[in-house]
């Protein structure tokens, strides 16, 4: 399948594995890239630029296909040494960077000078247009269904994607609620040039997370996520568990007086304990509503091959089939 995204990034299939904390290691990124998609290493999971350089080298040993690095830009008072991380990316020969969080504008000159393509994750049309204006090459449009931070507008992808298509000149992919061939075909129909999957890729054999996490996603329904930190305007969609129910209870009791200190120990610094040790109930971890569409734990190659084969069947058999009566006479004349 050829789209503006496959052409831009030099990949076979319009499927991107988004950057995920303590998930986006070389094992998963290389598996996605080898299967024809775009794998992404999560830059800030690596605690230092030197460790990121080693992870990039490790990934390059596992694949000769394009892969990218995610850089999430945090508030200034907690900012990592971004210039050093960018140097590791440039010196590692990476040509694609997924940015998220705050505006990447201060860092674009250094990335662009190295010939790197930038895809910025946005949760609104206005932010997507800003990304286009400052020089990003593409955007990942993240609907309200997504795991992690969906923004504060609460617009689902059935509305957000066609609005983005109406406004943007640069290519974009759909993110949030993406799990299978139906997701891809719907995203293309709504104007996107591909899709970004996060939660779905966690439930694969190559994802370097504890089996408890994968099983929890498979067991979850579309009703099993919670929105936390809304009162702090830092909304995050997470999988329901004991730790999250405690957060929800604290938020209910504190109301408008809630501060991050009230829930800090349940939302911060837990990812190694959750993703590596498998303590599903330790606290908040990002998970999309799309968990309700995740029924198995395939290899990455099996998942991508299944998506692409089923997408072709959907387009050729189901969608074109709706037009059969109109198309048939023209075909007979020809």
C-alpha atoms as a PDB file:
ATOM      1  CA  UNK A   1       0.000   0.000   0.000  1.00  0.00           C
ATOM      2  CA  UNK A   2       1.413   3.361  -1.018  1.00  0.00           C
ATOM      3  CA  UNK A   3       0.512   6.585   0.811  1.00  0.00           C
ATOM      4  CA  UNK A   4       2.219   9.905   1.492  1.00  0.00           C
ATOM      5  CA  UNK A   5       3.495   8.417   4.776  1.00  0.00           C
ATOM      6  CA  UNK A   6       5.025   5.280   3.226  1.00  0.00           C
ATOM      7  CA  UNK A   7       6.717   7.483   0.631  1.00  0.00           C
ATOM      8  CA  UNK A   8       7.988  10.005   3.186  1.00  0.00           C
ATOM      9  CA  UNK A   9       9.477   7.424   5.564  1.00  0.00           C
ATOM     10  CA  UNK A  10      10.492   4.738   3.067  1.00  0.00           C
ATOM     11  CA  UNK A  11       8.329   2.001   4.592  1.00  0.00           C
ATOM     12  CA  UNK A  12       6.138  -0.715   3.010  1.00  0.00           C
ATOM     13  CA  UNK A  13       3.038  -0.319   5.146  1.00  0.00           C
ATOM     14  CA  UNK A  14       1.416   2.856   6.548  1.00  0.00           C
ATOM     15  CA  UNK A  15       1.680   1.628  10.140  1.00  0.00           C
ATOM     16  CA  UNK A  16       3.723   3.376  12.836  1.00  0.00           C
ATOM     17  CA  UNK A  17       4.524   2.095  16.321  1.00  0.00           C
ATOM     18  CA  UNK A  18       4.302   5.138  18.548  1.00  0.00           C
ATOM     19  CA  UNK A  19       6.840   5.896  21.247  1.00  0.00           C
ATOM     20  CA  UNK A  20       5.819   4.371  24.579  1.00  0.00           C
ATOM     21  CA  UNK A  21       7.621   4.672  27.900  1.00  0.00           C
ATOM     22  CA  UNK A  22       9.416   1.434  28.866  1.00  0.00           C
ATOM     23  CA  UNK A  23       7.961  -0.276  25.780  1.00  0.00           C
ATOM     24  CA  UNK A  24       9.765   1.361  22.854  1.00  0.00           C
ATOM     25  CA  UNK A  25      13.034  -0.561  23.083  1.00  0.00           C
ATOM     26  CA  UNK A  26      15.072  -1.914  20.178  1.00  0.00           C
ATOM     27  CA  UNK A  27      13.325  -5.312  20.289  1.00  0.00           C
ATOM     28  CA  UNK A  28       9.905  -3.878  19.429  1.00  0.00           C
ATOM     29  CA  UNK A  29      11.093  -1.082  17.139  1.00  0.00           C
ATOM     30  CA  UNK A  30      13.168  -3.457  15.002  1.00  0.00           C
ATOM     31  CA  UNK A  31      10.349  -6.008  14.812  1.00  0.00           C
ATOM     32  CA  UNK A  32       7.920  -3.360  13.523  1.00  0.00           C
ATOM     33  CA  UNK A  33      10.422  -2.052  10.988  1.00  0.00           C
ATOM     34  CA  UNK A  34      11.336  -5.548   9.801  1.00  0.00           C
ATOM     35  CA  UNK A  35       7.622  -6.223   9.265  1.00  0.00           C
ATOM     36  CA  UNK A  36       7.331  -3.204   6.977  1.00  0.00           C
ATOM     37  CA  UNK A  37       6.076  -0.578   9.414  1.00  0.00           C
ATOM     38  CA  UNK A  38       7.960   2.175  11.226  1.00  0.00           C
ATOM     39  CA  UNK A  39       9.351   1.174  14.617  1.00  0.00           C
ATOM     40  CA  UNK A  40      10.076   3.841  17.213  1.00  0.00           C
ATOM     41  CA  UNK A  41      12.593   3.815  20.093  1.00  0.00           C
ATOM     42  CA  UNK A  42      11.408   5.875  23.068  1.00  0.00           C
ATOM     43  CA  UNK A  43      14.254   8.291  23.654  1.00  0.00           C
ATOM     44  CA  UNK A  44      13.627   9.353  27.249  1.00  0.00           C
ATOM     45  CA  UNK A  45      13.205   5.779  28.491  1.00  0.00           C
ATOM     46  CA  UNK A  46      16.967   5.771  28.055  1.00  0.00           C
ATOM     47  CA  UNK A  47      18.170   7.691  31.092  1.00  0.00           C
ATOM     48  CA  UNK A  48      21.131   9.328  29.352  1.00  0.00           C
ATOM     49  CA  UNK A  49      22.035  10.320  25.794  1.00  0.00           C
ATOM     50  CA  UNK A  50      24.830   7.749  25.927  1.00  0.00           C
ATOM     51  CA  UNK A  51      22.341   4.970  26.667  1.00  0.00           C
ATOM     52  CA  UNK A  52      20.146   6.176  23.811  1.00  0.00           C
ATOM     53  CA  UNK A  53      23.143   5.962  21.466  1.00  0.00           C
ATOM     54  CA  UNK A  54      23.656   2.342  22.547  1.00  0.00           C
ATOM     55  CA  UNK A  55      19.956   1.539  22.048  1.00  0.00           C
ATOM     56  CA  UNK A  56      20.043   3.021  18.540  1.00  0.00           C
ATOM     57  CA  UNK A  57      23.119   0.924  17.727  1.00  0.00           C
ATOM     58  CA  UNK A  58      21.372  -2.154  19.127  1.00  0.00           C
ATOM     59  CA  UNK A  59      18.339  -1.515  16.951  1.00  0.00           C
ATOM     60  CA  UNK A  60      20.526  -1.019  13.894  1.00  0.00           C
ATOM     61  CA  UNK A  61      22.017  -4.462  14.542  1.00  0.00           C
ATOM     62  CA  UNK A  62      18.472  -5.901  14.477  1.00  0.00           C
ATOM     63  CA  UNK A  63      17.131  -4.215  11.341  1.00  0.00           C
ATOM     64  CA  UNK A  64      18.345  -2.622   8.135  1.00  0.00           C
ATOM     65  CA  UNK A  65      14.971  -0.899   7.662  1.00  0.00           C
ATOM     66  CA  UNK A  66      14.050   2.670   8.655  1.00  0.00           C
ATOM     67  CA  UNK A  67      13.215   3.280  12.305  1.00  0.00           C
ATOM     68  CA  UNK A  68      12.730   6.405  14.367  1.00  0.00           C
ATOM     69  CA  UNK A  69      13.199   7.834  17.850  1.00  0.00           C
ATOM     70  CA  UNK A  70      10.542   9.486  19.998  1.00  0.00           C
ATOM     71  CA  UNK A  71      11.467  12.649  21.884  1.00  0.00           C
ATOM     72  CA  UNK A  72       8.866  13.945  24.323  1.00  0.00           C
ATOM     73  CA  UNK A  73       9.441  17.570  25.296  1.00  0.00           C
ATOM     74  CA  UNK A  74       8.746  18.153  28.980  1.00  0.00           C
ATOM     75  CA  UNK A  75       8.319  21.412  30.959  1.00  0.00           C
ATOM     76  CA  UNK A  76      11.506  23.405  31.376  1.00  0.00           C
ATOM     77  CA  UNK A  77      11.922  22.648  35.091  1.00  0.00           C
ATOM     78  CA  UNK A  78      12.203  18.915  34.350  1.00  0.00           C
ATOM     79  CA  UNK A  79      13.824  19.152  30.920  1.00  0.00           C
ATOM     80  CA  UNK A  80      16.419  16.496  30.059  1.00  0.00           C
ATOM     81  CA  UNK A  81      19.529  17.510  28.057  1.00  0.00           C
ATOM     82  CA  UNK A  82      17.729  17.562  24.697  1.00  0.00           C
ATOM     83  CA  UNK A  83      20.695  18.807  22.611  1.00  0.00           C
ATOM     84  CA  UNK A  84      22.694  15.778  23.762  1.00  0.00           C
ATOM     85  CA  UNK A  85      19.823  13.403  22.986  1.00  0.00           C
ATOM     86  CA  UNK A  86      19.525  14.968  19.540  1.00  0.00           C
ATOM     87  CA  UNK A  87      23.265  14.533  19.012  1.00  0.00           C
ATOM     88  CA  UNK A  88      22.916  10.822  19.813  1.00  0.00           C
ATOM     89  CA  UNK A  89      20.091  10.573  17.265  1.00  0.00           C
ATOM     90  CA  UNK A  90      22.036  12.401  14.575  1.00  0.00           C
ATOM     91  CA  UNK A  91      25.261  10.482  15.167  1.00  0.00           C
ATOM     92  CA  UNK A  92      23.276   7.235  15.168  1.00  0.00           C
ATOM     93  CA  UNK A  93      22.125   7.959  11.630  1.00  0.00           C
ATOM     94  CA  UNK A  94      18.414   8.043  12.552  1.00  0.00           C
ATOM     95  CA  UNK A  95      16.414   9.978   9.946  1.00  0.00           C
ATOM     96  CA  UNK A  96      12.957  10.029  11.565  1.00  0.00           C
ATOM     97  CA  UNK A  97      11.956  11.572  14.899  1.00  0.00           C
ATOM     98  CA  UNK A  98       8.518  11.460  16.508  1.00  0.00           C
ATOM     99  CA  UNK A  99       8.100  14.455  18.796  1.00  0.00           C
ATOM    100  CA  UNK A 100       5.446  14.850  21.491  1.00  0.00           C
ATOM    101  CA  UNK A 101       4.583  17.000  24.476  1.00  0.00           C
ATOM    102  CA  UNK A 102       5.567  20.634  24.163  1.00  0.00           C
ATOM    103  CA  UNK A 103       6.365  22.328  20.865  1.00  0.00           C
ATOM    104  CA  UNK A 104       9.522  20.974  19.210  1.00  0.00           C
ATOM    105  CA  UNK A 105      10.193  24.343  17.552  1.00  0.00           C
ATOM    106  CA  UNK A 106      13.394  25.216  19.495  1.00  0.00           C
ATOM    107  CA  UNK A 107      14.967  21.917  18.399  1.00  0.00           C
ATOM    108  CA  UNK A 108      13.825  21.761  14.781  1.00  0.00           C
ATOM    109  CA  UNK A 109      16.861  23.578  13.289  1.00  0.00           C
ATOM    110  CA  UNK A 110      19.270  20.961  14.659  1.00  0.00           C
ATOM    111  CA  UNK A 111      17.068  18.083  13.495  1.00  0.00           C
ATOM    112  CA  UNK A 112      16.415  19.591  10.072  1.00  0.00           C
ATOM    113  CA  UNK A 113      20.109  20.328   9.530  1.00  0.00           C
ATOM    114  CA  UNK A 114      20.739  16.588   9.863  1.00  0.00           C
ATOM    115  CA  UNK A 115      18.101  15.764   7.237  1.00  0.00           C
ATOM    116  CA  UNK A 116      15.707  14.287   9.806  1.00  0.00           C
ATOM    117  CA  UNK A 117      11.971  14.051   9.105  1.00  0.00           C
ATOM    118  CA  UNK A 118       9.751  15.153  12.011  1.00  0.00           C
ATOM    119  CA  UNK A 119       6.313  13.753  12.841  1.00  0.00           C
ATOM    120  CA  UNK A 120       4.737  15.582  15.784  1.00  0.00           C
ATOM    121  CA  UNK A 121       1.965  14.101  17.924  1.00  0.00           C
ATOM    122  CA  UNK A 122      -1.024  16.445  18.304  1.00  0.00           C
ATOM    123  CA  UNK A 123      -4.394  16.171  20.031  1.00  0.00           C
ATOM    124  CA  UNK A 124      -6.151  19.003  18.181  1.00  0.00           C
ATOM    125  CA  UNK A 125      -6.404  20.629  14.778  1.00  0.00           C
ATOM    126  CA  UNK A 126      -4.965  23.903  16.089  1.00  0.00           C
ATOM    127  CA  UNK A 127      -1.863  22.156  17.406  1.00  0.00           C
ATOM    128  CA  UNK A 128      -1.539  20.233  14.138  1.00  0.00           C
ATOM    129  CA  UNK A 129      -1.617  23.478  12.183  1.00  0.00           C
ATOM    130  CA  UNK A 130       1.031  24.938  14.487  1.00  0.00           C
ATOM    131  CA  UNK A 131       3.219  21.876  13.842  1.00  0.00           C
ATOM    132  CA  UNK A 132       2.767  22.375  10.105  1.00  0.00           C
ATOM    133  CA  UNK A 133       3.560  26.076  10.408  1.00  0.00           C
ATOM    134  CA  UNK A 134       6.828  25.584  12.300  1.00  0.00           C
ATOM    135  CA  UNK A 135       8.085  23.046   9.764  1.00  0.00           C
ATOM    136  CA  UNK A 136       7.132  19.545  10.922  1.00  0.00           C
ATOM    137  CA  UNK A 137       6.943  17.141   7.984  1.00  0.00           C
ATOM    138  CA  UNK A 138       3.915  15.204   9.245  1.00  0.00           C
ATOM    139  CA  UNK A 139       1.684  14.937  12.289  1.00  0.00           C
ATOM    140  CA  UNK A 140       0.171  12.104  14.302  1.00  0.00           C
ATOM    141  CA  UNK A 141      -3.388  13.166  15.161  1.00  0.00           C
ATOM    142  CA  UNK A 142      -4.328  11.700  18.534  1.00  0.00           C
ATOM    143  CA  UNK A 143      -8.045  11.295  19.269  1.00  0.00           C
ATOM    144  CA  UNK A 144      -9.802  11.213  22.634  1.00  0.00           C
ATOM    145  CA  UNK A 145      -9.781   7.383  22.563  1.00  0.00           C
ATOM    146  CA  UNK A 146      -6.011   7.204  22.891  1.00  0.00           C
ATOM    147  CA  UNK A 147      -3.969   5.863  25.770  1.00  0.00           C
ATOM    148  CA  UNK A 148      -1.796   8.401  27.534  1.00  0.00           C
ATOM    149  CA  UNK A 149      -2.528  12.101  27.169  1.00  0.00           C
ATOM    150  CA  UNK A 150      -5.527  12.896  24.917  1.00  0.00           C
ATOM    151  CA  UNK A 151      -5.429  16.654  25.508  1.00  0.00           C
ATOM    152  CA  UNK A 152      -8.316  18.581  27.001  1.00  0.00           C
ATOM    153  CA  UNK A 153     -10.734  18.948  24.074  1.00  0.00           C
ATOM    154  CA  UNK A 154     -12.309  15.449  24.205  1.00  0.00           C
ATOM    155  CA  UNK A 155     -12.728  15.177  20.420  1.00  0.00           C
ATOM    156  CA  UNK A 156     -12.882  11.580  19.097  1.00  0.00           C
ATOM    157  CA  UNK A 157     -11.259  10.553  15.840  1.00  0.00           C
ATOM    158  CA  UNK A 158     -14.496  10.316  13.832  1.00  0.00           C
ATOM    159  CA  UNK A 159     -14.553  14.109  14.061  1.00  0.00           C
ATOM    160  CA  UNK A 160     -10.905  14.976  14.606  1.00  0.00           C
ATOM    161  CA  UNK A 161      -9.464  13.152  11.580  1.00  0.00           C
ATOM    162  CA  UNK A 162     -11.721  14.680   8.891  1.00  0.00           C
ATOM    163  CA  UNK A 163     -11.239  18.087  10.509  1.00  0.00           C
ATOM    164  CA  UNK A 164      -7.480  17.586  10.256  1.00  0.00           C
ATOM    165  CA  UNK A 165      -7.866  16.497   6.631  1.00  0.00           C
ATOM    166  CA  UNK A 166      -9.844  19.670   5.901  1.00  0.00           C
ATOM    167  CA  UNK A 167      -7.130  21.911   7.327  1.00  0.00           C
ATOM    168  CA  UNK A 168      -3.703  20.299   6.890  1.00  0.00           C
ATOM    169  CA  UNK A 169      -1.460  20.357   3.847  1.00  0.00           C
ATOM    170  CA  UNK A 170       1.146  17.973   5.297  1.00  0.00           C
ATOM    171  CA  UNK A 171       0.484  14.217   5.669  1.00  0.00           C
ATOM    172  CA  UNK A 172      -0.895  12.852   8.921  1.00  0.00           C
ATOM    173  CA  UNK A 173      -1.574   9.509  10.570  1.00  0.00           C
ATOM    174  CA  UNK A 174      -4.458   8.561  12.848  1.00  0.00           C
ATOM    175  CA  UNK A 175      -3.561   7.742  16.437  1.00  0.00           C
ATOM    176  CA  UNK A 176      -5.857   6.551  19.224  1.00  0.00           C
ATOM    177  CA  UNK A 177      -8.284   3.677  18.771  1.00  0.00           C
ATOM    178  CA  UNK A 178      -6.162   1.976  16.100  1.00  0.00           C
ATOM    179  CA  UNK A 179      -5.938  -1.836  16.339  1.00  0.00           C
ATOM    180  CA  UNK A 180      -6.719  -3.674  13.120  1.00  0.00           C
ATOM    181  CA  UNK A 181      -7.539  -3.521   9.407  1.00  0.00           C
ATOM    182  CA  UNK A 182     -10.828  -1.781  10.097  1.00  0.00           C
ATOM    183  CA  UNK A 183      -8.942   0.959  11.924  1.00  0.00           C
ATOM    184  CA  UNK A 184      -6.560   1.437   9.002  1.00  0.00           C
ATOM    185  CA  UNK A 185      -9.257   1.514   6.320  1.00  0.00           C
ATOM    186  CA  UNK A 186     -11.394   3.885   8.393  1.00  0.00           C
ATOM    187  CA  UNK A 187      -8.411   6.172   8.993  1.00  0.00           C
ATOM    188  CA  UNK A 188      -7.668   6.291   5.267  1.00  0.00           C
ATOM    189  CA  UNK A 189     -11.334   6.999   4.507  1.00  0.00           C
ATOM    190  CA  UNK A 190     -11.322   9.878   6.993  1.00  0.00           C
ATOM    191  CA  UNK A 191      -8.324  11.495   5.300  1.00  0.00           C
ATOM    192  CA  UNK A 192      -5.298  10.098   7.124  1.00  0.00           C
ATOM    193  CA  UNK A 193      -2.300   8.611   5.322  1.00  0.00           C
ATOM    194  CA  UNK A 194      -1.780   5.767   7.794  1.00  0.00           C
ATOM    195  CA  UNK A 195      -2.155   4.875  11.446  1.00  0.00           C
ATOM    196  CA  UNK A 196      -0.124   4.930  14.637  1.00  0.00           C
ATOM    197  CA  UNK A 197      -0.658   2.065  17.111  1.00  0.00           C
ATOM    198  CA  UNK A 198       0.463   2.044  20.730  1.00  0.00           C
ATOM    199  CA  UNK A 199      -1.613  -0.215  22.981  1.00  0.00           C
ATOM    200  CA  UNK A 200      -2.047  -2.836  20.224  1.00  0.00           C
ATOM    201  CA  UNK A 201       1.732  -3.193  19.850  1.00  0.00           C
ATOM    202  CA  UNK A 202       2.200  -3.756  23.595  1.00  0.00           C
ATOM    203  CA  UNK A 203       0.224  -7.000  23.223  1.00  0.00           C
ATOM    204  CA  UNK A 204       2.712  -8.629  20.843  1.00  0.00           C
ATOM    205  CA  UNK A 205       5.322 -11.292  21.451  1.00  0.00           C
ATOM    206  CA  UNK A 206       8.262  -8.966  20.769  1.00  0.00           C
ATOM    207  CA  UNK A 207       7.110  -6.168  23.091  1.00  0.00           C
ATOM    208  CA  UNK A 208       9.705  -6.241  25.887  1.00  0.00           C
ATOM    209  CA  UNK A 209       7.195  -5.955  28.731  1.00  0.00           C
ATOM    210  CA  UNK A 210       6.022  -8.441  31.363  1.00  0.00           C
ATOM    211  CA  UNK A 211       3.484 -11.027  30.263  1.00  0.00           C
ATOM    212  CA  UNK A 212       1.098  -9.740  32.953  1.00  0.00           C
ATOM    213  CA  UNK A 213       0.797  -6.454  31.065  1.00  0.00           C
ATOM    214  CA  UNK A 214      -0.005  -8.155  27.774  1.00  0.00           C
ATOM    215  CA  UNK A 215      -2.607 -10.394  29.417  1.00  0.00           C
ATOM    216  CA  UNK A 216      -4.193  -7.406  31.172  1.00  0.00           C
ATOM    217  CA  UNK A 217      -4.694  -5.662  27.822  1.00  0.00           C
ATOM    218  CA  UNK A 218      -6.198  -8.771  26.222  1.00  0.00           C
ATOM    219  CA  UNK A 219      -8.544  -9.210  29.202  1.00  0.00           C
ATOM    220  CA  UNK A 220      -9.687  -5.570  29.177  1.00  0.00           C
ATOM    221  CA  UNK A 221     -12.791  -4.289  27.434  1.00  0.00           C
ATOM    222  CA  UNK A 222     -13.406  -0.853  25.947  1.00  0.00           C
ATOM    223  CA  UNK A 223     -14.917   0.098  29.335  1.00  0.00           C
ATOM    224  CA  UNK A 224     -11.780  -0.633  31.353  1.00  0.00           C
ATOM    225  CA  UNK A 225      -9.833   2.615  31.051  1.00  0.00           C
ATOM    226  CA  UNK A 226     -10.036   5.650  33.322  1.00  0.00           C
ATOM    227  CA  UNK A 227      -9.241   9.326  32.838  1.00  0.00           C
ATOM    228  CA  UNK A 228      -7.118  10.739  35.643  1.00  0.00           C
ATOM    229  CA  UNK A 229      -5.594  14.166  36.421  1.00  0.00           C
ATOM    230  CA  UNK A 230      -8.415  16.020  34.651  1.00  0.00           C
ATOM    231  CA  UNK A 231      -8.565  18.609  37.449  1.00  0.00           C
ATOM    232  CA  UNK A 232      -4.848  19.284  36.857  1.00  0.00           C
ATOM    233  CA  UNK A 233      -5.429  19.726  33.094  1.00  0.00           C
ATOM    234  CA  UNK A 234      -2.955  16.935  32.508  1.00  0.00           C
ATOM    235  CA  UNK A 235      -5.526  14.299  31.568  1.00  0.00           C
ATOM    236  CA  UNK A 236      -4.225  10.772  31.067  1.00  0.00           C
ATOM    237  CA  UNK A 237      -6.094   7.656  29.938  1.00  0.00           C
ATOM    238  CA  UNK A 238      -4.905   4.620  31.878  1.00  0.00           C
ATOM    239  CA  UNK A 239      -5.974   1.020  32.442  1.00  0.00           C
ATOM    240  CA  UNK A 240      -8.305   0.511  35.380  1.00  0.00           C
ATOM    241  CA  UNK A 241      -6.578  -1.266  38.284  1.00  0.00           C
ATOM    242  CA  UNK A 242      -6.337  -1.083  42.070  1.00  0.00           C
ATOM    243  CA  UNK A 243      -3.780   1.721  42.038  1.00  0.00           C
ATOM    244  CA  UNK A 244      -5.841   3.749  39.584  1.00  0.00           C
ATOM    245  CA  UNK A 245      -9.023   3.297  41.630  1.00  0.00           C
ATOM    246  CA  UNK A 246      -7.111   4.759  44.583  1.00  0.00           C
ATOM    247  CA  UNK A 247      -6.170   7.758  42.417  1.00  0.00           C
ATOM    248  CA  UNK A 248      -9.779   8.230  41.351  1.00  0.00           C
ATOM    249  CA  UNK A 249     -10.909   8.101  45.003  1.00  0.00           C
ATOM    250  CA  UNK A 250      -8.307  10.707  46.045  1.00  0.00           C
ATOM    251  CA  UNK A 251      -9.343  12.966  43.160  1.00  0.00           C
ATOM    252  CA  UNK A 252     -12.999  12.624  44.172  1.00  0.00           C
ATOM    253  CA  UNK A 253     -12.238  13.504  47.793  1.00  0.00           C
ATOM    254  CA  UNK A 254      -9.879  16.412  47.030  1.00  0.00           C
ATOM    255  CA  UNK A 255     -11.998  17.933  44.264  1.00  0.00           C
ATOM    256  CA  UNK A 256     -10.810  21.396  43.250  1.00  0.00           C
ATOM    257  CA  UNK A 257      -8.041  21.353  45.887  1.00  0.00           C
ATOM    258  CA  UNK A 258      -6.222  18.432  44.224  1.00  0.00           C
ATOM    259  CA  UNK A 259      -2.495  18.897  43.594  1.00  0.00           C
ATOM    260  CA  UNK A 260      -0.017  16.595  41.893  1.00  0.00           C
ATOM    261  CA  UNK A 261       1.553  15.891  45.291  1.00  0.00           C
ATOM    262  CA  UNK A 262      -1.668  14.157  46.360  1.00  0.00           C
ATOM    263  CA  UNK A 263      -1.203  11.425  43.751  1.00  0.00           C
ATOM    264  CA  UNK A 264       2.468  11.675  42.779  1.00  0.00           C
ATOM    265  CA  UNK A 265       3.501   8.292  44.187  1.00  0.00           C
ATOM    266  CA  UNK A 266       0.762   6.571  42.156  1.00  0.00           C
ATOM    267  CA  UNK A 267       1.473   8.279  38.816  1.00  0.00           C
ATOM    268  CA  UNK A 268       5.238   8.865  38.724  1.00  0.00           C
ATOM    269  CA  UNK A 269       8.279   6.616  38.462  1.00  0.00           C
ATOM    270  CA  UNK A 270       6.310   3.360  38.357  1.00  0.00           C
ATOM    271  CA  UNK A 271       6.921   2.192  34.805  1.00  0.00           C
ATOM    272  CA  UNK A 272       9.880  -0.124  35.563  1.00  0.00           C
ATOM    273  CA  UNK A 273       7.862  -1.806  38.316  1.00  0.00           C
ATOM    274  CA  UNK A 274       4.838  -2.137  36.025  1.00  0.00           C
ATOM    275  CA  UNK A 275       6.313  -2.927  32.622  1.00  0.00           C
ATOM    276  CA  UNK A 276       9.373  -4.922  33.694  1.00  0.00           C
ATOM    277  CA  UNK A 277       8.252  -6.551  36.963  1.00  0.00           C
ATOM    278  CA  UNK A 278       4.623  -6.984  35.884  1.00  0.00           C
ATOM    279  CA  UNK A 279       2.940  -5.307  38.864  1.00  0.00           C
ATOM    280  CA  UNK A 280      -0.245  -4.426  36.980  1.00  0.00           C
ATOM    281  CA  UNK A 281      -1.906  -2.808  40.025  1.00  0.00           C
ATOM    282  CA  UNK A 282       1.011  -0.594  41.098  1.00  0.00           C
ATOM    283  CA  UNK A 283      -0.532   2.579  39.717  1.00  0.00           C
ATOM    284  CA  UNK A 284      -1.278   4.464  36.516  1.00  0.00           C
ATOM    285  CA  UNK A 285      -0.050   3.175  33.163  1.00  0.00           C
ATOM    286  CA  UNK A 286      -1.216   4.386  29.784  1.00  0.00           C
ATOM    287  CA  UNK A 287      -3.684   2.250  27.868  1.00  0.00           C
ATOM    288  CA  UNK A 288      -6.178   3.145  25.143  1.00  0.00           C
ATOM    289  CA  UNK A 289      -9.849   2.235  24.853  1.00  0.00           C
ATOM    290  CA  UNK A 290      -8.692   0.099  21.929  1.00  0.00           C
ATOM    291  CA  UNK A 291      -7.827  -2.602  24.481  1.00  0.00           C
ATOM    292  CA  UNK A 292     -11.396  -3.726  23.833  1.00  0.00           C
ATOM    293  CA  UNK A 293     -10.322  -4.744  20.322  1.00  0.00           C
ATOM    294  CA  UNK A 294      -7.206  -6.659  21.380  1.00  0.00           C
ATOM    295  CA  UNK A 295      -7.942 -10.386  21.558  1.00  0.00           C
ATOM    296  CA  UNK A 296      -4.545 -12.072  21.175  1.00  0.00           C
ATOM    297  CA  UNK A 297      -0.778 -11.732  21.474  1.00  0.00           C
ATOM    298  CA  UNK A 298       0.651 -12.358  17.985  1.00  0.00           C
ATOM    299  CA  UNK A 299       4.119 -11.667  16.679  1.00  0.00           C
ATOM    300  CA  UNK A 300       4.541  -8.203  15.207  1.00  0.00           C
ATOM    301  CA  UNK A 301       4.928  -9.697  11.724  1.00  0.00           C
ATOM    302  CA  UNK A 302       1.720 -11.718  12.119  1.00  0.00           C
ATOM    303  CA  UNK A 303      -0.157  -8.638  13.302  1.00  0.00           C
ATOM    304  CA  UNK A 304       0.993  -6.363  10.482  1.00  0.00           C
ATOM    305  CA  UNK A 305       0.522  -9.020   7.803  1.00  0.00           C
ATOM    306  CA  UNK A 306      -2.996  -9.682   9.108  1.00  0.00           C
ATOM    307  CA  UNK A 307      -3.858  -5.986   9.120  1.00  0.00           C
ATOM    308  CA  UNK A 308      -2.640  -5.417   5.575  1.00  0.00           C
ATOM    309  CA  UNK A 309      -4.301  -8.552   4.137  1.00  0.00           C
ATOM    310  CA  UNK A 310      -7.611  -7.780   5.805  1.00  0.00           C
ATOM    311  CA  UNK A 311      -7.419  -4.113   4.795  1.00  0.00           C
ATOM    312  CA  UNK A 312      -7.054  -5.130   1.152  1.00  0.00           C
ATOM    313  CA  UNK A 313     -10.046  -7.463   1.461  1.00  0.00           C
ATOM    314  CA  UNK A 314     -12.111  -4.738   3.083  1.00  0.00           C
ATOM    315  CA  UNK A 315     -11.311  -2.266   0.328  1.00  0.00           C
ATOM    316  CA  UNK A 316     -11.591  -4.640  -2.648  1.00  0.00           C
ATOM    317  CA  UNK A 317     -14.499  -6.822  -1.522  1.00  0.00           C
ATOM    318  CA  UNK A 318     -16.613  -4.868   0.927  1.00  0.00           C
ATOM    319  CA  UNK A 319     -16.187  -1.236  -0.130  1.00  0.00           C
ATOM    320  CA  UNK A 320     -15.914  -1.720  -3.884  1.00  0.00           C
ATOM    321  CA  UNK A 321     -18.737  -4.237  -3.574  1.00  0.00           C
ATOM    322  CA  UNK A 322     -21.087  -1.462  -2.525  1.00  0.00           C
ATOM    323  CA  UNK A 323     -20.485   0.125  -5.944  1.00  0.00           C
ATOM    324  CA  UNK A 324     -20.818  -3.058  -8.003  1.00  0.00           C
ATOM    325  CA  UNK A 325     -24.085  -2.129  -9.691  1.00  0.00           C
ATOM    326  CA  UNK A 326     -22.675   1.219 -10.778  1.00  0.00           C
ATOM    327  CA  UNK A 327     -19.270  -0.091 -11.822  1.00  0.00           C
ATOM    328  CA  UNK A 328     -20.455  -3.184 -13.720  1.00  0.00           C
ATOM    329  CA  UNK A 329     -21.973  -1.434 -16.796  1.00  0.00           C
ATOM    330  CA  UNK A 330     -18.816   0.607 -17.360  1.00  0.00           C
ATOM    331  CA  UNK A 331     -16.710  -2.521 -17.056  1.00  0.00           C
ATOM    332  CA  UNK A 332     -18.878  -4.274 -19.659  1.00  0.00           C
ATOM    333  CA  UNK A 333     -18.478  -1.404 -22.111  1.00  0.00           C
ATOM    334  CA  UNK A 334     -14.722  -1.441 -21.631  1.00  0.00           C
END
